[in-house]
Amino acid sequence: MQSIGSPLLWGVFASLVVVALLIDLVLMRHGGPHKVTFREAAWWSVGWVALALAFGGWLWWHVSGQSGPDEGQRVALEYLTGYLVEKSLAVDNIFVFLMLFTYFAVPEEQRQKVLIIGVVGAIVLRAIMIFAGALLLQKFHWVLYVFGAFLLLTGLKMLWAAGKEPDLDNNPILRWLTGHVPMTRGYVGGKLSVVEAGKRLYTPLFIVIVMVGITDLIFAVDSIPAIFAITDDPFIVLTSNVFAVLGLRAMFFLLAGMADRFHLLPYGLALVLMFIGTKMLIVDVVKIPVLVSLAVVATIIGATVVLSLLRPAPDKKASW
């Protein structure tokens, strides 16, 4: 498969991700299990975004020097658009995580542990699925139309479900887990399981981590085809995905207390998926430039955020 990914680029990217995760893990462990404040989450979020943009800037500089400014601009725009799309869709991830944490009454000090496991799991899943998707697209061009139709239908489904309160009680996966997995009555610190009377019992924290992993998989199925609508280069797809996911934990704590203020955002995410799905379906007839895609995605997300703040949702019980 064709890719700008040279050994140097892959090495720089892998090194940055490993170092960033180690710093995150060390600082989290150093602070001990604790409730993350808004200020702490804001600084972490700024740091993750700055790291992603710095990598994008270095990528533009490196490719421009190797292949010329036009190629450097193309790669940088594809990376930035992919990052913005994934970052936007990650907000929906956060709403689901918040719903799970509320449903299972996860202690504040244990939420960091669940989220870091979720982030690492999301990176591994995305790497596997991105390379598999790139191979499929290389061998079978018609897979692009399948991805496009899937995204369009997903966007329509999300648009229909926007504003409706999700019902975890009737979630078949959750019902199966809670019905078949022997569980403790409550949390046991940060433990995932304990042995009582010779029998292994799993804590609610274990169920939450399993559900977060399943959520990661479901959202990866949605988001990865969306990035392939922007570029089929696995290096750009993976780097934009991973840098967006790295900031997921900080963004959760940043938005957790403001989820209801962005009540129109699900509509914007649905429109983004529908736009990208349509772009994939018409790719052989009309090629929409990456800069136009970036502008459309940014406008939709920005407009729904601004409208949410200007037109607050009616007072009601929180949906998440």
Protein backbone atom coordinates (compact mmCIF):
# COMPACT_ATOMS: atom_id res chain seq x y z
CA MET A 1 0.00 0.00 0.00
CA GLN A 2 1.24 3.52 -0.78
CA SER A 3 2.11 5.64 2.23
CA ILE A 4 4.33 8.53 3.23
CA GLY A 5 5.28 6.47 6.28
CA SER A 6 9.05 6.07 6.19
CA PRO A 7 11.02 4.36 8.99
CA LEU A 8 11.89 7.83 10.31
CA LEU A 9 8.25 8.96 10.41
CA TRP A 10 7.03 5.75 12.02
CA GLY A 11 9.88 5.94 14.54
CA VAL A 12 9.14 9.55 15.53
CA PHE A 13 5.42 8.81 15.82
CA ALA A 14 5.88 5.64 17.89
CA SER A 15 8.39 7.36 20.18
CA LEU A 16 6.06 10.29 20.82
CA VAL A 17 3.12 8.01 21.63
CA VAL A 18 5.14 5.80 24.00
CA VAL A 19 6.69 8.77 25.81
CA ALA A 20 3.32 10.55 26.06
CA LEU A 21 1.62 7.46 27.50
CA LEU A 22 4.46 6.87 29.98
CA ILE A 23 4.30 10.48 31.17
CA ASP A 24 0.53 10.21 31.51
CA LEU A 25 0.76 6.94 33.45
CA VAL A 26 3.59 8.12 35.72
CA LEU A 27 1.89 11.39 36.59
CA MET A 28 -1.42 9.64 37.18
CA ARG A 29 0.24 7.12 39.51
CA HIS A 30 2.28 9.84 41.22
CA GLY A 31 -0.88 11.75 42.07
CA GLY A 32 -2.58 8.57 43.26
CA PRO A 33 -6.25 7.83 42.66
CA HIS A 34 -7.99 11.20 42.92
CA LYS A 35 -10.77 13.29 41.49
CA VAL A 36 -9.48 15.20 38.47
CA THR A 37 -10.26 18.91 38.70
CA PHE A 38 -11.45 21.03 35.79
CA ARG A 39 -8.20 23.01 35.90
CA GLU A 40 -6.08 19.84 35.72
CA ALA A 41 -8.18 18.48 32.84
CA ALA A 42 -7.96 21.79 30.98
CA TRP A 43 -4.15 21.86 31.16
CA TRP A 44 -3.90 18.22 30.04
CA SER A 45 -6.29 18.91 27.15
CA VAL A 46 -4.25 21.90 26.01
CA GLY A 47 -1.11 19.76 26.19
CA TRP A 48 -2.57 16.92 24.09
CA VAL A 49 -3.88 19.31 21.43
CA ALA A 50 -0.53 21.14 21.34
CA LEU A 51 1.29 17.81 20.90
CA ALA A 52 -1.02 16.80 18.02
CA LEU A 53 -0.62 20.16 16.28
CA ALA A 54 3.14 20.13 16.82
CA PHE A 55 3.36 16.71 15.19
CA GLY A 56 1.23 17.97 12.29
CA GLY A 57 3.53 20.98 11.89
CA TRP A 58 6.63 18.80 11.93
CA LEU A 59 4.99 16.45 9.42
CA TRP A 60 4.29 19.39 7.08
CA TRP A 61 7.89 20.62 7.43
CA HIS A 62 9.41 17.17 6.88
CA VAL A 63 7.28 16.22 3.86
CA SER A 64 7.73 19.69 2.30
CA GLY A 65 11.48 19.27 2.55
CA GLN A 66 11.36 15.78 1.04
CA SER A 67 8.67 16.14 -1.65
CA GLY A 68 7.95 19.85 -2.05
CA PRO A 69 5.56 22.37 -0.44
CA ASP A 70 2.45 21.18 -2.33
CA GLU A 71 2.85 17.64 -1.03
CA GLY A 72 3.59 18.94 2.44
CA GLN A 73 0.42 21.03 2.41
CA ARG A 74 -1.67 18.09 1.20
CA VAL A 75 -0.39 15.78 3.92
CA ALA A 76 -0.81 18.41 6.65
CA LEU A 77 -4.41 19.17 5.58
CA GLU A 78 -5.31 15.47 5.46
CA TYR A 79 -3.79 14.95 8.91
CA LEU A 80 -5.55 18.00 10.39
CA THR A 81 -8.93 17.07 8.86
CA GLY A 82 -8.62 13.48 10.09
CA TYR A 83 -7.67 14.73 13.56
CA LEU A 84 -10.64 17.10 13.69
CA VAL A 85 -13.09 14.40 12.56
CA GLU A 86 -11.80 11.89 15.12
CA LYS A 87 -11.70 14.51 17.88
CA SER A 88 -15.30 15.46 17.14
CA LEU A 89 -16.51 11.86 17.14
CA ALA A 90 -14.61 11.26 20.38
CA VAL A 91 -17.06 13.62 22.09
CA ASP A 92 -19.77 11.02 21.52
CA ASN A 93 -17.45 8.48 23.16
CA ILE A 94 -17.22 10.73 26.17
CA PHE A 95 -21.00 10.99 26.52
CA VAL A 96 -21.28 7.19 26.54
CA PHE A 97 -18.44 6.86 29.07
CA LEU A 98 -20.15 9.40 31.32
CA MET A 99 -23.41 7.46 31.03
CA LEU A 100 -21.62 4.22 32.02
CA PHE A 101 -19.85 5.86 34.96
CA THR A 102 -23.10 7.35 36.20
CA TYR A 103 -25.05 4.10 35.74
CA PHE A 104 -22.46 2.08 37.71
CA ALA A 105 -21.70 4.91 40.16
CA VAL A 106 -17.96 4.59 39.46
CA PRO A 107 -16.02 6.39 42.23
CA GLU A 108 -14.36 9.58 41.00
CA GLU A 109 -10.90 8.35 41.99
CA GLN A 110 -11.24 5.19 39.85
CA ARG A 111 -12.35 6.89 36.65
CA GLN A 112 -8.78 7.72 35.60
CA LYS A 113 -7.85 4.02 35.67
CA VAL A 114 -10.81 3.03 33.51
CA LEU A 115 -10.12 5.78 30.99
CA ILE A 116 -6.41 5.08 30.57
CA ILE A 117 -7.21 1.41 29.93
CA GLY A 118 -9.81 2.60 27.44
CA VAL A 119 -7.29 4.84 25.68
CA VAL A 120 -4.68 2.09 25.33
CA GLY A 121 -7.34 -0.34 24.12
CA ALA A 122 -8.61 2.19 21.59
CA ILE A 123 -5.10 2.71 20.17
CA VAL A 124 -4.52 -1.04 19.74
CA LEU A 125 -7.95 -1.60 18.15
CA ARG A 126 -7.53 1.30 15.76
CA ALA A 127 -4.08 0.17 14.64
CA ILE A 128 -5.40 -3.29 13.78
CA MET A 129 -8.53 -2.01 12.04
CA ILE A 130 -6.73 0.74 10.10
CA PHE A 131 -4.19 -1.61 8.53
CA ALA A 132 -6.94 -4.12 7.76
CA GLY A 133 -9.04 -1.36 6.17
CA ALA A 134 -6.09 -0.08 4.12
CA LEU A 135 -5.44 -3.59 2.77
CA LEU A 136 -9.12 -4.00 1.86
CA LEU A 137 -9.22 -0.66 0.04
CA GLN A 138 -6.04 -1.51 -1.85
CA LYS A 139 -7.44 -4.82 -3.10
CA PHE A 140 -11.14 -3.94 -3.45
CA HIS A 141 -12.06 -0.39 -4.45
CA TRP A 142 -15.78 -1.13 -3.97
CA VAL A 143 -15.20 -1.37 -0.21
CA LEU A 144 -15.11 2.45 -0.29
CA TYR A 145 -18.79 2.43 -1.27
CA VAL A 146 -19.58 0.03 1.57
CA PHE A 147 -17.85 2.38 4.02
CA GLY A 148 -19.73 5.35 2.56
CA ALA A 149 -23.14 3.65 2.80
CA PHE A 150 -22.37 2.53 6.35
CA LEU A 151 -21.43 6.06 7.45
CA LEU A 152 -24.48 7.56 5.78
CA LEU A 153 -26.81 5.09 7.51
CA THR A 154 -24.99 5.57 10.82
CA GLY A 155 -25.40 9.34 10.50
CA LEU A 156 -29.11 8.96 9.78
CA LYS A 157 -29.51 6.65 12.75
CA MET A 158 -27.61 9.07 14.99
CA LEU A 159 -29.76 11.95 13.73
CA TRP A 160 -32.93 10.00 14.56
CA ALA A 161 -31.63 9.09 18.05
CA ALA A 162 -30.28 12.57 18.89
CA GLY A 163 -32.01 14.10 21.88
CA LYS A 164 -33.43 10.79 23.09
CA GLU A 165 -32.40 9.40 26.43
CA PRO A 166 -30.34 6.19 26.06
CA ASP A 167 -31.57 3.14 27.97
CA LEU A 168 -28.73 1.12 29.48
CA ASP A 169 -31.17 -1.15 31.30
CA ASN A 170 -32.15 -2.73 27.98
CA ASN A 171 -28.64 -2.94 26.53
CA PRO A 172 -28.30 -6.63 25.55
CA ILE A 173 -24.53 -6.82 26.14
CA LEU A 174 -24.79 -5.22 29.57
CA ARG A 175 -27.73 -7.41 30.54
CA TRP A 176 -25.81 -10.53 29.52
CA LEU A 177 -22.71 -9.48 31.48
CA THR A 178 -24.57 -8.63 34.66
CA GLY A 179 -26.64 -11.81 34.35
CA HIS A 180 -23.76 -14.23 33.75
CA VAL A 181 -20.73 -12.73 35.51
CA PRO A 182 -20.59 -13.33 39.31
CA MET A 183 -20.22 -9.90 40.87
CA THR A 184 -19.48 -8.31 44.22
CA ARG A 185 -22.06 -6.05 45.79
CA GLY A 186 -19.87 -3.00 45.48
CA TYR A 187 -16.43 -1.66 44.58
CA VAL A 188 -13.30 -3.05 46.25
CA GLY A 189 -10.86 -0.18 45.78
CA GLY A 190 -9.32 -0.46 42.33
CA LYS A 191 -9.57 -4.25 42.15
CA LEU A 192 -11.23 -5.93 39.19
CA SER A 193 -11.94 -9.19 41.03
CA VAL A 194 -11.70 -10.80 44.45
CA VAL A 195 -11.95 -14.32 45.82
CA GLU A 196 -14.64 -14.89 48.45
CA ALA A 197 -15.35 -18.31 49.96
CA GLY A 198 -13.22 -19.92 47.28
CA LYS A 199 -15.19 -18.31 44.46
CA ARG A 200 -13.92 -15.55 42.16
CA LEU A 201 -16.21 -12.56 42.00
CA TYR A 202 -15.81 -9.59 39.66
CA THR A 203 -16.31 -6.03 40.78
CA PRO A 204 -18.48 -3.48 38.95
CA LEU A 205 -15.19 -1.86 37.85
CA PHE A 206 -14.47 -4.95 35.72
CA ILE A 207 -17.88 -4.67 34.01
CA VAL A 208 -17.30 -0.96 33.32
CA ILE A 209 -13.89 -1.67 31.73
CA VAL A 210 -15.43 -4.39 29.53
CA MET A 211 -18.19 -2.00 28.43
CA VAL A 212 -15.64 0.75 27.72
CA GLY A 213 -13.70 -1.70 25.54
CA ILE A 214 -16.85 -2.65 23.62
CA THR A 215 -17.67 1.05 23.22
CA ASP A 216 -14.16 1.65 21.85
CA LEU A 217 -14.72 -1.08 19.27
CA ILE A 218 -18.11 0.28 18.21
CA PHE A 219 -16.82 3.83 17.80
CA ALA A 220 -13.72 2.62 15.96
CA VAL A 221 -16.02 0.96 13.42
CA ASP A 222 -17.71 4.34 12.92
CA SER A 223 -14.71 6.64 12.93
CA ILE A 224 -12.11 4.73 10.93
CA PRO A 225 -14.15 4.61 7.69
CA ALA A 226 -14.71 8.35 8.16
CA ILE A 227 -10.96 9.00 8.08
CA PHE A 228 -10.53 6.81 4.98
CA ALA A 229 -12.88 9.24 3.21
CA ILE A 230 -10.20 11.88 3.70
CA THR A 231 -7.09 9.84 2.89
CA ASP A 232 -6.19 6.22 2.20
CA ASP A 233 -2.68 6.63 3.58
CA PRO A 234 -2.51 4.37 6.68
CA PHE A 235 0.18 6.56 8.27
CA ILE A 236 -1.98 9.68 8.18
CA VAL A 237 -5.09 7.72 9.21
CA LEU A 238 -3.36 6.13 12.21
CA THR A 239 -1.50 9.21 13.42
CA SER A 240 -4.57 11.48 13.26
CA ASN A 241 -6.64 8.82 15.06
CA VAL A 242 -4.11 8.11 17.78
CA PHE A 243 -3.35 11.75 18.60
CA ALA A 244 -7.09 12.42 18.90
CA VAL A 245 -7.58 9.40 21.16
CA LEU A 246 -4.60 10.30 23.39
CA GLY A 247 -6.50 13.32 24.69
CA LEU A 248 -9.67 11.37 25.39
CA ARG A 249 -9.09 10.99 29.14
CA ALA A 250 -8.41 14.69 29.71
CA MET A 251 -11.32 15.70 27.48
CA PHE A 252 -13.66 13.47 29.48
CA PHE A 253 -12.91 15.29 32.74
CA LEU A 254 -13.07 18.62 30.91
CA LEU A 255 -16.54 17.99 29.45
CA ALA A 256 -18.05 15.71 32.12
CA GLY A 257 -19.70 18.56 33.95
CA MET A 258 -20.85 20.30 30.76
CA ALA A 259 -22.35 17.44 28.73
CA ASP A 260 -25.87 18.88 28.84
CA ARG A 261 -24.66 22.26 27.58
CA PHE A 262 -23.73 20.71 24.22
CA HIS A 263 -27.16 19.15 23.64
CA LEU A 264 -27.11 19.94 19.90
CA LEU A 265 -23.69 18.37 19.28
CA PRO A 266 -25.10 14.88 18.48
CA TYR A 267 -26.97 16.47 15.56
CA GLY A 268 -23.71 17.99 14.31
CA LEU A 269 -21.87 14.67 14.59
CA ALA A 270 -24.66 12.97 12.65
CA LEU A 271 -24.38 15.56 9.87
CA VAL A 272 -20.59 15.11 9.77
CA LEU A 273 -20.97 11.35 9.29
CA MET A 274 -23.61 11.87 6.60
CA PHE A 275 -21.39 14.37 4.77
CA ILE A 276 -18.37 12.05 4.88
CA GLY A 277 -20.47 9.05 3.84
CA THR A 278 -21.84 10.99 0.86
CA LYS A 279 -18.31 12.10 -0.05
CA MET A 280 -17.21 8.46 -0.20
CA LEU A 281 -20.19 7.43 -2.32
CA ILE A 282 -19.54 10.10 -4.95
CA VAL A 283 -15.73 9.91 -4.87
CA ASP A 284 -15.48 8.60 -8.44
CA VAL A 285 -17.83 11.28 -9.76
CA VAL A 286 -17.01 14.38 -7.71
CA LYS A 287 -13.80 14.73 -5.71
CA ILE A 288 -14.30 17.08 -2.80
CA PRO A 289 -10.98 18.77 -1.87
CA VAL A 290 -9.58 18.11 1.58
CA LEU A 291 -9.65 21.83 2.41
CA VAL A 292 -13.39 21.91 1.65
CA SER A 293 -13.94 18.83 3.84
CA LEU A 294 -12.02 20.47 6.68
CA ALA A 295 -14.10 23.65 6.34
CA VAL A 296 -17.41 21.73 6.27
CA VAL A 297 -16.56 19.59 9.32
CA ALA A 298 -15.27 22.57 11.30
CA THR A 299 -18.32 24.68 10.39
CA ILE A 300 -20.82 21.96 11.36
CA ILE A 301 -19.16 21.19 14.71
CA GLY A 302 -18.55 24.86 15.49
CA ALA A 303 -22.13 25.83 14.62
CA THR A 304 -23.71 23.13 16.78
CA VAL A 305 -21.48 24.03 19.75
CA VAL A 306 -22.29 27.75 19.44
CA LEU A 307 -26.02 27.10 18.97
CA SER A 308 -26.00 24.80 22.01
CA LEU A 309 -24.56 27.60 24.13
CA LEU A 310 -26.86 30.27 22.68
CA ARG A 311 -29.97 28.09 22.98
CA PRO A 312 -29.69 26.03 26.17
CA ALA A 313 -31.72 22.84 26.42
CA PRO A 314 -34.98 23.02 28.38
CA ASP A 315 -34.63 22.10 32.05
CA LYS A 316 -34.96 18.36 32.45
CA LYS A 317 -33.25 15.42 34.09
CA ALA A 318 -29.74 14.98 32.69
CA SER A 319 -29.61 12.50 29.84
CA TRP A 320 -26.11 11.30 30.64
